[in-house]
């Protein structure tokens, strides 16, 4: 058994990947302690069977304030490291890899690169994080990457042997006995015989939710659920459009739901939407866990062409890929999916790669 310290900038309640990894390590006999930068006030430590330390990160609107906050956080993390005395530190994303600088060489480091962190960042911020990754990636025992194109991207960027990188994809865990009445049970909305279309994720312009909502005016007998949080200004724009065009009966926007409810919402859907239109390689090489969750449950997927998606979604077989994302093309895709026969459930499950994951910690 090893003592593993997991670092996460974020909230564990909504991070399904980190939850799966921790539960897998615990089941294998390791002792896991998680450090999080925030913990939902509506959540409870009793919901988790591993140790959680909440270490809030103070945010400042001034650069000098953020610098002092980062230094303070670094010192507090190192105090925790001395107290816990882990064999391995598991860093989720580059913003936690920063904190392993200066630790004892006797502690092994696993870098779980959920994202291509440098993509989408510019200027001084990109320069800083580039220096952090270039320096500290060579301190790691292993680098975990969730998508094959991202793995090769990382291997080309840094001169580490290919076996230093490990592909652990964003597959969901197998779940049985899922109901198909989530939207009625939770939101009190009986969808009747209407086609249920769902989007679950960040509410941002890059997810192309406005043209998705616009396309609902061209689709009959359907209802769209948008579940998530993100840009408040963009969310206001969406709500104003819904109200102005009197779409309240066919478009519903709800706040994010806990990770353990996501599969129930997906299983209650007929079509799942996953658009990735950020203009960077992180998005282009993305294969979201939502894709796998939809396909594993036999839910057709509406998405757009990217390298990551092309490995998983095939037009006319299990989904539809829009070449151009606008109201008309989205509506066309939805109509194709409505006329498509039921798809065979896929087999993209976390359990299929557990052995690959656990070997990293041997």
Protein backbone atom coordinates (compact mmCIF):
# COMPACT_ATOMS: atom_id res chain seq x y z
CA UNK A 1 0.00 0.00 0.00
CA UNK A 2 1.19 3.49 -0.85
CA UNK A 3 0.23 6.89 0.47
CA UNK A 4 -0.92 9.07 -2.42
CA UNK A 5 -1.55 12.80 -2.18
CA UNK A 6 -3.86 14.10 -4.93
CA UNK A 7 -3.85 17.82 -5.78
CA UNK A 8 -6.87 19.43 -7.45
CA UNK A 9 -7.59 23.08 -8.23
CA UNK A 10 -11.37 22.89 -8.30
CA UNK A 11 -14.30 21.10 -6.66
CA UNK A 12 -14.37 17.31 -6.39
CA UNK A 13 -18.18 17.24 -6.57
CA UNK A 14 -18.17 17.94 -10.30
CA UNK A 15 -14.92 16.20 -11.26
CA UNK A 16 -15.86 12.68 -12.27
CA UNK A 17 -12.41 11.77 -13.60
CA UNK A 18 -10.66 12.54 -10.31
CA UNK A 19 -13.36 10.68 -8.36
CA UNK A 20 -12.90 7.57 -10.52
CA UNK A 21 -9.13 7.67 -10.14
CA UNK A 22 -9.28 8.03 -6.37
CA UNK A 23 -11.85 5.26 -5.92
CA UNK A 24 -9.73 2.98 -8.12
CA UNK A 25 -6.61 3.67 -6.06
CA UNK A 26 -8.51 3.13 -2.81
CA UNK A 27 -9.95 -0.17 -4.05
CA UNK A 28 -6.42 -1.32 -4.93
CA UNK A 29 -5.40 -0.76 -1.30
CA UNK A 30 -3.69 2.63 -1.50
CA UNK A 31 -4.40 5.41 1.00
CA UNK A 32 -5.47 8.61 -0.74
CA UNK A 33 -5.61 12.16 0.59
CA UNK A 34 -7.15 14.81 -1.65
CA UNK A 35 -6.33 18.53 -1.46
CA UNK A 36 -8.95 20.74 -3.14
CA UNK A 37 -9.04 24.49 -3.66
CA UNK A 38 -12.81 24.65 -3.12
CA UNK A 39 -15.53 22.47 -1.61
CA UNK A 40 -19.20 22.98 -2.40
CA UNK A 41 -21.20 24.28 0.56
CA UNK A 42 -24.05 21.92 -0.40
CA UNK A 43 -21.69 18.94 -0.36
CA UNK A 44 -20.51 16.91 2.63
CA UNK A 45 -17.26 15.18 3.49
CA UNK A 46 -19.40 12.19 4.47
CA UNK A 47 -20.11 11.66 0.76
CA UNK A 48 -16.50 10.55 0.22
CA UNK A 49 -14.58 7.66 1.76
CA UNK A 50 -11.17 9.29 1.46
CA UNK A 51 -9.48 12.13 3.32
CA UNK A 52 -10.15 15.62 1.94
CA UNK A 53 -8.26 18.77 2.86
CA UNK A 54 -9.83 22.02 1.70
CA UNK A 55 -7.16 24.61 1.00
CA UNK A 56 -8.88 27.62 -0.48
CA UNK A 57 -7.01 29.65 -3.06
CA UNK A 58 -7.57 33.38 -2.64
CA UNK A 59 -8.14 35.25 -5.91
CA UNK A 60 -7.08 38.84 -6.47
CA UNK A 61 -7.90 41.10 -9.40
CA UNK A 62 -4.38 42.55 -9.14
CA UNK A 63 -1.31 40.76 -10.52
CA UNK A 64 0.75 41.41 -7.39
CA UNK A 65 -2.09 40.02 -5.27
CA UNK A 66 -2.24 36.84 -7.33
CA UNK A 67 1.52 36.46 -6.99
CA UNK A 68 1.41 36.67 -3.19
CA UNK A 69 -1.59 34.32 -3.14
CA UNK A 70 0.31 31.75 -5.24
CA UNK A 71 3.35 31.97 -2.95
CA UNK A 72 1.16 31.51 0.13
CA UNK A 73 -0.62 28.54 -1.47
CA UNK A 74 2.73 26.98 -2.41
CA UNK A 75 3.91 27.18 1.21
CA UNK A 76 0.68 25.68 2.55
CA UNK A 77 0.83 22.81 0.05
CA UNK A 78 4.39 22.05 1.15
CA UNK A 79 3.29 21.99 4.80
CA UNK A 80 0.62 19.44 3.88
CA UNK A 81 3.19 17.37 1.97
CA UNK A 82 5.41 17.25 5.06
CA UNK A 83 2.46 16.27 7.26
CA UNK A 84 1.02 13.58 4.96
CA UNK A 85 4.46 12.31 3.87
CA UNK A 86 3.17 10.66 0.67
CA UNK A 87 4.99 8.15 -1.50
CA UNK A 88 3.38 9.66 -4.61
CA UNK A 89 1.88 13.04 -5.47
CA UNK A 90 -0.78 12.95 -8.20
CA UNK A 91 -1.07 16.36 -9.89
CA UNK A 92 -4.29 17.08 -11.78
CA UNK A 93 -3.39 19.53 -14.55
CA UNK A 94 -0.51 21.93 -14.87
CA UNK A 95 -1.87 24.36 -12.28
CA UNK A 96 -1.06 21.79 -9.57
CA UNK A 97 2.22 20.53 -11.04
CA UNK A 98 3.56 23.97 -10.12
CA UNK A 99 3.47 23.04 -6.42
CA UNK A 100 5.82 20.04 -6.60
CA UNK A 101 8.83 22.26 -7.23
CA UNK A 102 11.35 21.82 -4.43
CA UNK A 103 9.85 18.67 -2.88
CA UNK A 104 11.98 15.73 -1.77
CA UNK A 105 13.33 13.52 -4.57
CA UNK A 106 12.10 10.51 -2.61
CA UNK A 107 8.51 11.45 -3.52
CA UNK A 108 7.35 10.26 -6.93
CA UNK A 109 5.17 12.55 -9.07
CA UNK A 110 2.40 11.58 -11.50
CA UNK A 111 1.26 14.39 -13.80
CA UNK A 112 -2.32 13.88 -14.98
CA UNK A 113 -2.55 16.28 -17.94
CA UNK A 114 -6.33 16.54 -18.32
CA UNK A 115 -5.85 19.40 -20.77
CA UNK A 116 -3.25 20.78 -23.15
CA UNK A 117 -2.96 23.59 -20.65
CA UNK A 118 -0.84 25.93 -22.75
CA UNK A 119 -3.32 25.93 -25.62
CA UNK A 120 -5.77 28.81 -25.42
CA UNK A 121 -3.44 30.90 -23.29
CA UNK A 122 -1.42 33.83 -24.58
CA UNK A 123 1.20 36.38 -23.62
CA UNK A 124 2.90 36.39 -20.24
CA UNK A 125 0.54 33.78 -18.81
CA UNK A 126 1.41 31.28 -21.54
CA UNK A 127 5.11 32.07 -21.17
CA UNK A 128 4.96 31.40 -17.42
CA UNK A 129 3.10 28.08 -17.65
CA UNK A 130 5.31 26.99 -20.54
CA UNK A 131 8.36 27.42 -18.27
CA UNK A 132 6.62 25.52 -15.46
CA UNK A 133 5.74 22.54 -17.66
CA UNK A 134 9.09 22.45 -19.46
CA UNK A 135 10.90 22.39 -16.13
CA UNK A 136 8.75 20.13 -13.97
CA UNK A 137 7.60 17.51 -16.47
CA UNK A 138 11.09 16.00 -16.24
CA UNK A 139 10.57 15.59 -12.49
CA UNK A 140 7.64 13.22 -13.04
CA UNK A 141 7.52 9.45 -12.84
CA UNK A 142 4.75 9.34 -15.45
CA UNK A 143 2.44 11.58 -17.47
CA UNK A 144 -1.20 10.55 -17.89
CA UNK A 145 -2.99 11.83 -21.01
CA UNK A 146 -6.71 11.25 -21.77
CA UNK A 147 -6.63 11.21 -25.58
CA UNK A 148 -4.26 9.61 -28.09
CA UNK A 149 -3.59 12.71 -30.23
CA UNK A 150 -2.81 14.69 -27.08
CA UNK A 151 -0.40 11.97 -26.03
CA UNK A 152 1.56 12.31 -29.27
CA UNK A 153 1.41 16.11 -28.99
CA UNK A 154 3.03 15.89 -25.55
CA UNK A 155 5.63 13.36 -26.72
CA UNK A 156 6.64 15.60 -29.64
CA UNK A 157 6.83 18.66 -27.39
CA UNK A 158 9.00 17.14 -24.66
CA UNK A 159 11.94 14.81 -25.16
CA UNK A 160 10.73 12.04 -22.93
CA UNK A 161 10.48 8.40 -24.05
CA UNK A 162 7.06 7.39 -25.31
CA UNK A 163 6.63 4.89 -22.46
CA UNK A 164 6.71 7.84 -20.02
CA UNK A 165 3.22 8.74 -21.29
CA UNK A 166 0.15 6.69 -20.38
CA UNK A 167 -3.21 6.80 -22.17
CA UNK A 168 -6.06 6.78 -19.64
CA UNK A 169 -9.18 7.96 -21.41
CA UNK A 170 -12.26 9.74 -20.04
CA UNK A 171 -14.38 6.60 -19.94
CA UNK A 172 -17.32 6.37 -17.51
CA UNK A 173 -17.76 3.62 -14.96
CA UNK A 174 -20.31 0.91 -15.64
CA UNK A 175 -23.60 1.71 -13.96
CA UNK A 176 -26.66 -0.52 -13.84
CA UNK A 177 -30.34 0.13 -13.19
CA UNK A 178 -30.43 3.69 -14.51
CA UNK A 179 -33.91 5.19 -14.77
CA UNK A 180 -35.17 7.05 -17.85
CA UNK A 181 -37.30 9.61 -16.00
CA UNK A 182 -34.61 11.96 -14.66
CA UNK A 183 -36.10 15.20 -15.98
CA UNK A 184 -39.50 14.41 -14.46
CA UNK A 185 -38.06 13.15 -11.18
CA UNK A 186 -35.66 16.07 -10.63
CA UNK A 187 -37.11 19.02 -12.56
CA UNK A 188 -40.77 18.00 -12.51
CA UNK A 189 -41.05 18.09 -16.30
CA UNK A 190 -42.88 15.27 -18.07
CA UNK A 191 -41.37 15.11 -21.56
CA UNK A 192 -44.14 12.82 -22.79
CA UNK A 193 -43.48 11.52 -26.30
CA UNK A 194 -41.16 14.37 -27.22
CA UNK A 195 -37.56 13.78 -28.32
CA UNK A 196 -35.25 14.75 -25.45
CA UNK A 197 -32.06 16.55 -26.51
CA UNK A 198 -29.51 17.28 -23.79
CA UNK A 199 -26.36 19.32 -23.40
CA UNK A 200 -24.42 18.90 -20.15
CA UNK A 201 -21.29 21.00 -19.63
CA UNK A 202 -19.88 24.50 -19.65
CA UNK A 203 -22.16 27.32 -20.80
CA UNK A 204 -19.80 29.30 -23.01
CA UNK A 205 -19.88 30.76 -26.50
CA UNK A 206 -17.42 28.13 -27.73
CA UNK A 207 -19.98 25.40 -27.01
CA UNK A 208 -22.26 26.96 -29.66
CA UNK A 209 -25.39 26.88 -27.51
CA UNK A 210 -27.08 29.87 -29.16
CA UNK A 211 -27.30 28.28 -32.64
CA UNK A 212 -28.36 25.06 -30.91
CA UNK A 213 -31.26 26.90 -29.28
CA UNK A 214 -32.06 28.63 -32.59
CA UNK A 215 -32.25 25.25 -34.32
CA UNK A 216 -35.06 24.19 -31.99
CA UNK A 217 -37.39 26.49 -33.96
CA UNK A 218 -36.88 24.13 -36.93
CA UNK A 219 -37.49 20.88 -35.03
CA UNK A 220 -40.90 19.46 -34.15
CA UNK A 221 -41.91 17.64 -30.99
CA UNK A 222 -38.61 17.99 -29.13
CA UNK A 223 -37.31 19.57 -25.93
CA UNK A 224 -33.76 20.75 -25.22
CA UNK A 225 -32.17 20.62 -21.77
CA UNK A 226 -29.02 22.69 -21.17
CA UNK A 227 -27.39 21.81 -17.84
CA UNK A 228 -24.27 23.56 -16.58
CA UNK A 229 -22.65 26.82 -15.64
CA UNK A 230 -20.15 29.20 -17.17
CA UNK A 231 -20.13 32.68 -18.63
CA UNK A 232 -22.90 34.71 -16.93
CA UNK A 233 -23.11 37.21 -19.77
CA UNK A 234 -23.52 34.45 -22.34
CA UNK A 235 -26.10 32.67 -20.19
CA UNK A 236 -28.08 35.92 -19.96
CA UNK A 237 -27.91 36.21 -23.76
CA UNK A 238 -29.34 32.69 -24.09
CA UNK A 239 -32.15 33.35 -21.63
CA UNK A 240 -33.05 36.62 -23.35
CA UNK A 241 -33.25 34.83 -26.71
CA UNK A 242 -35.45 32.10 -25.22
CA UNK A 243 -37.80 34.67 -23.68
CA UNK A 244 -37.91 36.92 -26.75
CA UNK A 245 -38.77 34.01 -29.05
CA UNK A 246 -41.13 32.35 -26.56
CA UNK A 247 -39.17 29.10 -26.44
CA UNK A 248 -39.64 28.46 -22.72
CA UNK A 249 -41.65 25.28 -23.38
CA UNK A 250 -39.00 23.65 -25.57
CA UNK A 251 -35.70 24.96 -24.15
CA UNK A 252 -34.79 24.56 -20.47
CA UNK A 253 -31.60 25.80 -18.77
CA UNK A 254 -30.62 24.38 -15.38
CA UNK A 255 -27.58 24.74 -13.09
CA UNK A 256 -24.97 21.95 -12.96
CA UNK A 257 -25.92 18.63 -11.43
CA UNK A 258 -23.71 16.36 -9.28
CA UNK A 259 -21.53 13.90 -11.16
CA UNK A 260 -23.46 10.93 -9.77
CA UNK A 261 -26.65 12.21 -11.47
CA UNK A 262 -25.16 12.83 -14.92
CA UNK A 263 -25.67 9.29 -16.24
CA UNK A 264 -29.33 9.39 -15.19
CA UNK A 265 -29.82 12.58 -17.22
CA UNK A 266 -28.01 11.07 -20.20
CA UNK A 267 -30.00 7.83 -20.01
CA UNK A 268 -33.19 9.93 -20.09
CA UNK A 269 -32.10 11.57 -23.38
CA UNK A 270 -32.50 10.52 -27.00
CA UNK A 271 -29.80 12.82 -28.42
CA UNK A 272 -26.72 14.27 -26.72
CA UNK A 273 -24.95 17.41 -27.92
CA UNK A 274 -21.17 17.97 -27.66
CA UNK A 275 -19.78 20.93 -29.62
CA UNK A 276 -16.10 21.94 -29.30
CA UNK A 277 -15.32 25.08 -31.24
CA UNK A 278 -12.45 26.65 -29.29
CA UNK A 279 -9.73 27.67 -31.73
CA UNK A 280 -6.87 25.70 -30.20
CA UNK A 281 -5.37 22.21 -30.15
CA UNK A 282 -6.80 21.45 -26.72
CA UNK A 283 -10.29 21.59 -28.20
CA UNK A 284 -9.31 20.03 -31.53
CA UNK A 285 -7.84 16.98 -29.78
CA UNK A 286 -10.68 16.77 -27.27
CA UNK A 287 -12.66 13.59 -26.64
CA UNK A 288 -14.97 14.51 -23.78
CA UNK A 289 -16.22 12.02 -21.24
CA UNK A 290 -19.71 13.09 -22.36
CA UNK A 291 -19.14 11.49 -25.77
CA UNK A 292 -18.38 8.16 -24.15
CA UNK A 293 -21.22 8.47 -21.64
CA UNK A 294 -23.76 9.10 -24.41
CA UNK A 295 -22.49 6.29 -26.64
CA UNK A 296 -22.21 3.74 -23.82
CA UNK A 297 -25.89 4.31 -23.04
CA UNK A 298 -26.98 4.10 -26.68
CA UNK A 299 -27.67 7.84 -27.01
CA UNK A 300 -27.00 9.35 -30.45
CA UNK A 301 -24.49 12.22 -30.51
CA UNK A 302 -24.60 15.55 -32.35
CA UNK A 303 -21.15 17.13 -32.54
CA UNK A 304 -18.68 18.83 -34.89
CA UNK A 305 -15.62 17.56 -36.73
CA UNK A 306 -12.43 17.52 -34.66
CA UNK A 307 -9.54 15.06 -34.57
CA UNK A 308 -10.59 13.78 -31.16
CA UNK A 309 -14.24 13.29 -32.13
CA UNK A 310 -13.36 11.55 -35.41
CA UNK A 311 -11.98 8.57 -33.47
CA UNK A 312 -15.33 8.04 -31.78
CA UNK A 313 -18.32 9.47 -33.70
CA UNK A 314 -19.16 8.25 -37.21
CA UNK A 315 -21.86 9.88 -39.32
CA UNK A 316 -24.92 7.72 -39.79
CA UNK A 317 -23.69 5.04 -37.40
CA UNK A 318 -23.76 6.52 -33.91
CA UNK A 319 -24.09 10.25 -34.47
CA UNK A 320 -23.78 13.24 -36.75
CA UNK A 321 -20.87 15.67 -37.17
CA UNK A 322 -21.63 19.21 -38.36
CA UNK A 323 -19.03 20.63 -40.72
CA UNK A 324 -20.28 24.15 -40.04
CA UNK A 325 -22.02 25.02 -36.78
CA UNK A 326 -25.09 27.15 -37.45
CA UNK A 327 -28.84 26.90 -36.96
CA UNK A 328 -29.53 25.22 -40.29
CA UNK A 329 -26.76 22.61 -40.07
CA UNK A 330 -27.61 21.76 -36.48
CA UNK A 331 -31.27 21.30 -37.44
CA UNK A 332 -30.23 19.09 -40.36
CA UNK A 333 -28.11 16.98 -38.04
CA UNK A 334 -30.92 16.64 -35.52
CA UNK A 335 -33.31 15.51 -38.26
CA UNK A 336 -30.80 12.89 -39.45
CA UNK A 337 -30.50 11.58 -35.90
CA UNK A 338 -34.27 11.54 -35.43
CA UNK A 339 -34.61 9.33 -38.50
CA UNK A 340 -31.67 7.11 -37.58
CA UNK A 341 -32.33 3.70 -36.09
CA UNK A 342 -31.35 3.02 -32.50
CA UNK A 343 -27.60 2.61 -32.08
CA UNK A 344 -25.76 -0.26 -30.44
CA UNK A 345 -24.36 0.60 -27.03
CA UNK A 346 -20.61 1.15 -27.04
CA UNK A 347 -18.12 -0.37 -24.61
CA UNK A 348 -16.04 2.63 -23.53
CA UNK A 349 -15.82 1.83 -19.83
CA UNK A 350 -13.37 2.86 -17.11
CA UNK A 351 -13.12 -0.74 -15.93
CA UNK A 352 -11.46 -1.66 -19.26
CA UNK A 353 -8.40 0.45 -18.43
CA UNK A 354 -8.09 0.06 -14.66
CA UNK A 355 -5.05 -2.21 -14.95
CA UNK A 356 -3.28 0.33 -17.18
CA UNK A 357 -3.99 3.04 -14.63
CA UNK A 358 -2.88 1.06 -11.57
CA UNK A 359 0.42 -0.04 -13.13
CA UNK A 360 1.53 3.59 -13.00
CA UNK A 361 1.53 3.44 -9.19
CA UNK A 362 3.44 0.17 -8.82
